Amino acid sequence: MKPNRSSPSLAAPKPKIGREPHPVDVHVGRQIAAVRVQSDVSQVQLARSIGITFQQLQKYENARNRVSASMLYEIGRSLGVAVSRFFEGLPENGESGNEASRLRTDERIGFIASAEGRRLIEQLVQLPPRVRAGISALIAAIG
């Protein structure tokens, strides 16, 4: 008897080569990175606390690998945030969302999570509040 080719279990898997990560996976990865940076936790520290390599954590943050629900739970537990925190900023079910706004938010999160963004924030925090306010006003005037 010939195998049933329409059976899902016998269907050939689709190759992943050239496929872009799902936008939700990208968003969740960036949120993990942002929360980690805001918590002043390195990739090595977080990875160690949840029992994975820092390379695997990098893959989660860059959406090269999807994060399982259980791993997302462990990441949230380790960083002291609810799992829902990683989904903030996504449109609710049935909403289309504002794509331009979402892209700006993703760009901001990406910058905050970068080494350059982290250095800038660390240096700004060390300044007196009045100086920070002046720099903020200057940046607003330039932008």
Protein backbone atom coordinates (compact mmCIF):
# COMPACT_ATOMS: atom_id res chain seq x y z
CA MET A 1 0.00 0.00 0.00
CA LYS A 2 1.32 3.47 -0.91
CA PRO A 3 1.66 6.07 1.86
CA ASN A 4 -0.95 8.82 1.81
CA ARG A 5 0.96 11.87 0.53
CA SER A 6 -1.66 14.30 1.83
CA SER A 7 -1.07 13.21 5.41
CA PRO A 8 0.46 16.09 7.42
CA SER A 9 2.89 13.77 9.16
CA LEU A 10 4.34 12.63 5.82
CA ALA A 11 4.43 16.04 4.15
CA ALA A 12 7.89 17.37 3.42
CA PRO A 13 8.82 20.26 5.72
CA LYS A 14 9.19 23.63 4.06
CA PRO A 15 12.79 24.88 4.00
CA LYS A 16 13.51 27.88 6.24
CA ILE A 17 16.27 29.24 4.03
CA GLY A 18 15.60 32.87 3.14
CA ARG A 19 12.54 33.17 5.38
CA GLU A 20 12.34 36.25 7.52
CA PRO A 21 11.44 35.90 11.21
CA HIS A 22 7.86 36.64 12.15
CA PRO A 23 7.39 40.28 13.26
CA VAL A 24 6.14 39.11 16.68
CA ASP A 25 9.34 37.10 17.20
CA VAL A 26 11.38 40.19 16.29
CA HIS A 27 9.34 42.32 18.71
CA VAL A 28 9.63 39.83 21.58
CA GLY A 29 13.38 39.49 21.03
CA ARG A 30 13.85 43.25 21.13
CA GLN A 31 11.71 43.50 24.25
CA ILE A 32 13.85 40.84 25.96
CA ALA A 33 16.95 42.85 25.09
CA ALA A 34 15.39 46.13 26.24
CA VAL A 35 14.24 44.73 29.60
CA ARG A 36 17.62 43.07 30.10
CA VAL A 37 19.46 46.34 29.42
CA GLN A 38 17.06 48.34 31.61
CA SER A 39 17.70 45.82 34.39
CA ASP A 40 21.46 46.25 33.91
CA VAL A 41 21.89 42.52 33.27
CA SER A 42 24.42 41.26 30.73
CA GLN A 43 23.63 38.57 28.20
CA VAL A 44 26.01 36.24 30.03
CA GLN A 45 24.31 36.85 33.38
CA LEU A 46 20.79 36.31 32.04
CA ALA A 47 21.78 33.26 30.01
CA ARG A 48 23.47 31.68 33.02
CA SER A 49 20.45 32.35 35.24
CA ILE A 50 18.08 30.56 32.83
CA GLY A 51 20.45 27.73 31.91
CA ILE A 52 21.35 28.53 28.29
CA THR A 53 24.42 29.89 26.50
CA PHE A 54 24.75 33.60 25.84
CA GLN A 55 24.88 32.73 22.12
CA GLN A 56 21.41 31.20 22.40
CA LEU A 57 20.17 34.32 24.19
CA GLN A 58 21.61 36.43 21.36
CA LYS A 59 19.64 34.32 18.89
CA TYR A 60 16.46 34.93 20.89
CA GLU A 61 17.11 38.69 21.07
CA ASN A 62 17.85 38.88 17.32
CA ALA A 63 14.88 36.62 16.44
CA ARG A 64 17.11 34.08 14.73
CA ASN A 65 15.50 31.50 17.05
CA ARG A 66 11.99 31.58 18.46
CA VAL A 67 11.56 31.67 22.21
CA SER A 68 9.41 28.89 23.66
CA ALA A 69 6.68 29.75 26.16
CA SER A 70 8.55 28.03 28.98
CA MET A 71 11.78 29.88 28.16
CA LEU A 72 9.91 33.19 27.95
CA TYR A 73 8.51 32.42 31.40
CA GLU A 74 12.03 31.75 32.74
CA ILE A 75 13.39 34.95 31.19
CA GLY A 76 10.56 36.99 32.71
CA ARG A 77 11.04 35.33 36.09
CA SER A 78 14.78 36.00 36.02
CA LEU A 79 14.31 39.66 35.03
CA GLY A 80 11.42 40.17 37.46
CA VAL A 81 8.78 41.02 34.86
CA ALA A 82 5.55 39.40 33.71
CA VAL A 83 5.66 37.51 30.42
CA SER A 84 3.13 40.01 29.06
CA ARG A 85 5.86 42.70 29.26
CA PHE A 86 7.55 41.17 26.19
CA PHE A 87 4.38 41.64 24.14
CA GLU A 88 3.75 45.28 25.05
CA GLY A 89 3.44 47.49 22.00
CA LEU A 90 1.97 44.81 19.75
CA PRO A 91 -1.52 45.43 18.40
CA GLU A 92 -4.28 43.52 20.19
CA ASN A 93 -5.99 40.63 18.41
CA GLY A 94 -8.06 41.94 15.53
CA GLU A 95 -6.35 45.36 15.43
CA SER A 96 -4.20 46.37 12.52
CA GLY A 97 -1.99 48.72 14.54
CA ASN A 98 -0.07 51.69 13.24
CA GLU A 99 2.88 50.27 11.29
CA ALA A 100 4.87 53.54 11.27
CA SER A 101 4.50 53.89 15.03
CA ARG A 102 5.50 50.27 15.57
CA LEU A 103 8.61 50.72 13.39
CA ARG A 104 9.66 53.81 15.37
CA THR A 105 9.18 51.90 18.62
CA ASP A 106 11.20 48.96 17.29
CA GLU A 107 13.95 51.34 16.20
CA ARG A 108 14.05 52.94 19.67
CA ILE A 109 14.16 49.58 21.41
CA GLY A 110 16.93 48.45 19.08
CA PHE A 111 18.98 51.55 19.88
CA ILE A 112 18.44 51.23 23.64
CA ALA A 113 19.55 47.61 23.49
CA SER A 114 22.68 48.41 21.44
CA ALA A 115 26.09 48.98 23.00
CA GLU A 116 26.03 52.60 21.78
CA GLY A 117 22.61 53.22 23.30
CA ARG A 118 23.59 51.66 26.60
CA ARG A 119 26.78 53.77 26.81
CA LEU A 120 24.82 56.94 26.04
CA ILE A 121 22.21 56.19 28.68
CA GLU A 122 24.85 55.34 31.28
CA GLN A 123 26.65 58.62 30.60
CA LEU A 124 23.44 60.66 30.65
CA VAL A 125 22.37 59.17 33.98
CA GLN A 126 25.66 60.29 35.55
CA LEU A 127 24.98 63.94 34.64
CA PRO A 128 23.20 66.34 37.01
CA PRO A 129 19.46 66.64 36.25
CA ARG A 130 19.75 70.24 35.00
CA VAL A 131 22.49 69.30 32.55
CA ARG A 132 20.43 66.32 31.32
CA ALA A 133 17.45 68.63 30.77
CA GLY A 134 19.65 71.01 28.78
CA ILE A 135 20.99 68.18 26.62
CA SER A 136 17.45 66.92 26.08
CA ALA A 137 16.36 70.41 24.96
CA LEU A 138 19.38 70.64 22.64
CA ILE A 139 18.62 67.27 21.04
CA ALA A 140 14.95 68.26 20.61
CA ALA A 141 16.04 71.50 18.89
CA ILE A 142 18.43 69.64 16.56
CA GLY A 143 15.89 66.90 15.74
